[in-house]
């Protein structure tokens, strides 16, 4: 069940990250949600592994949001549009 919550919350966090960090980025709902899920999962599990917080604490949501914003920023750097 925790993975289902990570996916649901990660999708919402990905969309929230997209709203907080506007600009050129992944187009569409699914790509933003997928990057949000990946960033949220990465930040959540790394933070829990390092002992910064436990599952269910609000710090996990904040870390998930920061992870999603970080992944969106990395996506923009790696896949920025190139002028012709």
C-alpha atoms as a PDB file:
ATOM      1  CA  UNK A   1       0.000   0.000   0.000  1.00  0.00           C
ATOM      2  CA  UNK A   2       2.818   2.533   0.601  1.00  0.00           C
ATOM      3  CA  UNK A   3       3.792   2.401  -3.099  1.00  0.00           C
ATOM      4  CA  UNK A   4       0.202   3.280  -4.071  1.00  0.00           C
ATOM      5  CA  UNK A   5       0.313   6.308  -1.784  1.00  0.00           C
ATOM      6  CA  UNK A   6       3.689   7.294  -3.226  1.00  0.00           C
ATOM      7  CA  UNK A   7       2.239   7.162  -6.741  1.00  0.00           C
ATOM      8  CA  UNK A   8      -0.898   9.119  -5.834  1.00  0.00           C
ATOM      9  CA  UNK A   9       0.915  11.746  -3.817  1.00  0.00           C
ATOM     10  CA  UNK A  10       3.768  11.875  -6.339  1.00  0.00           C
ATOM     11  CA  UNK A  11       1.344  12.650  -9.162  1.00  0.00           C
ATOM     12  CA  UNK A  12      -0.124  15.527  -7.192  1.00  0.00           C
ATOM     13  CA  UNK A  13       3.309  16.703  -6.141  1.00  0.00           C
ATOM     14  CA  UNK A  14       4.492  16.616  -9.759  1.00  0.00           C
ATOM     15  CA  UNK A  15       1.647  18.848 -10.819  1.00  0.00           C
ATOM     16  CA  UNK A  16       2.236  21.161  -7.859  1.00  0.00           C
ATOM     17  CA  UNK A  17       5.935  21.325  -8.742  1.00  0.00           C
ATOM     18  CA  UNK A  18       4.984  22.211 -12.314  1.00  0.00           C
ATOM     19  CA  UNK A  19       2.863  25.083 -11.004  1.00  0.00           C
ATOM     20  CA  UNK A  20       5.581  26.282  -8.608  1.00  0.00           C
ATOM     21  CA  UNK A  21       8.327  26.111 -11.249  1.00  0.00           C
ATOM     22  CA  UNK A  22       6.670  27.356 -14.450  1.00  0.00           C
ATOM     23  CA  UNK A  23       8.462  27.687 -17.721  1.00  0.00           C
ATOM     24  CA  UNK A  24       9.503  25.313 -20.421  1.00  0.00           C
ATOM     25  CA  UNK A  25       9.339  21.815 -19.131  1.00  0.00           C
ATOM     26  CA  UNK A  26       7.644  18.528 -19.701  1.00  0.00           C
ATOM     27  CA  UNK A  27       4.536  18.952 -21.777  1.00  0.00           C
ATOM     28  CA  UNK A  28       1.363  17.328 -20.670  1.00  0.00           C
ATOM     29  CA  UNK A  29      -0.203  15.905 -17.581  1.00  0.00           C
ATOM     30  CA  UNK A  30       1.314  12.433 -17.800  1.00  0.00           C
ATOM     31  CA  UNK A  31       4.925  13.524 -18.185  1.00  0.00           C
ATOM     32  CA  UNK A  32       4.651  16.055 -15.352  1.00  0.00           C
ATOM     33  CA  UNK A  33       2.975  13.459 -13.149  1.00  0.00           C
ATOM     34  CA  UNK A  34       5.590  10.818 -14.036  1.00  0.00           C
ATOM     35  CA  UNK A  35       8.468  13.152 -13.188  1.00  0.00           C
ATOM     36  CA  UNK A  36       6.673  14.088  -9.985  1.00  0.00           C
ATOM     37  CA  UNK A  37       6.208  10.448  -9.034  1.00  0.00           C
ATOM     38  CA  UNK A  38       9.869   9.696  -9.735  1.00  0.00           C
ATOM     39  CA  UNK A  39      11.133  12.757  -7.852  1.00  0.00           C
ATOM     40  CA  UNK A  40       8.791  12.189  -4.949  1.00  0.00           C
ATOM     41  CA  UNK A  41       9.670   8.502  -4.665  1.00  0.00           C
ATOM     42  CA  UNK A  42      13.385   9.221  -4.868  1.00  0.00           C
ATOM     43  CA  UNK A  43      13.283  11.973  -2.229  1.00  0.00           C
ATOM     44  CA  UNK A  44      10.943   9.987   0.025  1.00  0.00           C
ATOM     45  CA  UNK A  45      12.974   6.801   0.053  1.00  0.00           C
ATOM     46  CA  UNK A  46      16.347   8.542   0.274  1.00  0.00           C
ATOM     47  CA  UNK A  47      15.127  10.679   3.184  1.00  0.00           C
ATOM     48  CA  UNK A  48      13.754   7.656   5.013  1.00  0.00           C
ATOM     49  CA  UNK A  49      16.912   5.650   4.310  1.00  0.00           C
ATOM     50  CA  UNK A  50      19.074   8.429   5.738  1.00  0.00           C
ATOM     51  CA  UNK A  51      16.806   8.659   8.793  1.00  0.00           C
ATOM     52  CA  UNK A  52      15.701  12.247   8.249  1.00  0.00           C
ATOM     53  CA  UNK A  53      12.049  11.324   8.809  1.00  0.00           C
ATOM     54  CA  UNK A  54       9.716   8.358   9.085  1.00  0.00           C
ATOM     55  CA  UNK A  55       6.899   7.296   6.777  1.00  0.00           C
ATOM     56  CA  UNK A  56       3.789   9.417   7.253  1.00  0.00           C
ATOM     57  CA  UNK A  57       5.526  12.527   8.554  1.00  0.00           C
ATOM     58  CA  UNK A  58       4.842  15.875   6.843  1.00  0.00           C
ATOM     59  CA  UNK A  59       8.553  16.242   6.098  1.00  0.00           C
ATOM     60  CA  UNK A  60       8.145  13.450   3.557  1.00  0.00           C
ATOM     61  CA  UNK A  61       5.642  15.522   1.591  1.00  0.00           C
ATOM     62  CA  UNK A  62       7.979  18.512   1.627  1.00  0.00           C
ATOM     63  CA  UNK A  63      10.884  16.311   0.537  1.00  0.00           C
ATOM     64  CA  UNK A  64       8.731  14.835  -2.220  1.00  0.00           C
ATOM     65  CA  UNK A  65       7.859  18.317  -3.483  1.00  0.00           C
ATOM     66  CA  UNK A  66      11.520  19.362  -3.435  1.00  0.00           C
ATOM     67  CA  UNK A  67      12.517  16.140  -5.190  1.00  0.00           C
ATOM     68  CA  UNK A  68       9.914  16.689  -7.900  1.00  0.00           C
ATOM     69  CA  UNK A  69      11.028  20.300  -8.421  1.00  0.00           C
ATOM     70  CA  UNK A  70      14.634  19.114  -8.616  1.00  0.00           C
ATOM     71  CA  UNK A  71      13.767  16.470 -11.186  1.00  0.00           C
ATOM     72  CA  UNK A  72      11.802  19.004 -13.247  1.00  0.00           C
ATOM     73  CA  UNK A  73      14.801  21.346 -13.149  1.00  0.00           C
ATOM     74  CA  UNK A  74      17.119  18.538 -14.243  1.00  0.00           C
ATOM     75  CA  UNK A  75      14.714  17.687 -17.073  1.00  0.00           C
ATOM     76  CA  UNK A  76      14.780  21.303 -18.253  1.00  0.00           C
ATOM     77  CA  UNK A  77      18.581  21.396 -18.234  1.00  0.00           C
ATOM     78  CA  UNK A  78      18.962  18.088 -20.067  1.00  0.00           C
ATOM     79  CA  UNK A  79      16.166  18.534 -22.588  1.00  0.00           C
ATOM     80  CA  UNK A  80      16.017  22.276 -23.181  1.00  0.00           C
ATOM     81  CA  UNK A  81      14.796  23.351 -26.601  1.00  0.00           C
ATOM     82  CA  UNK A  82      17.603  24.076 -29.004  1.00  0.00           C
ATOM     83  CA  UNK A  83      17.496  27.013 -31.403  1.00  0.00           C
ATOM     84  CA  UNK A  84      17.881  26.153 -35.057  1.00  0.00           C
END
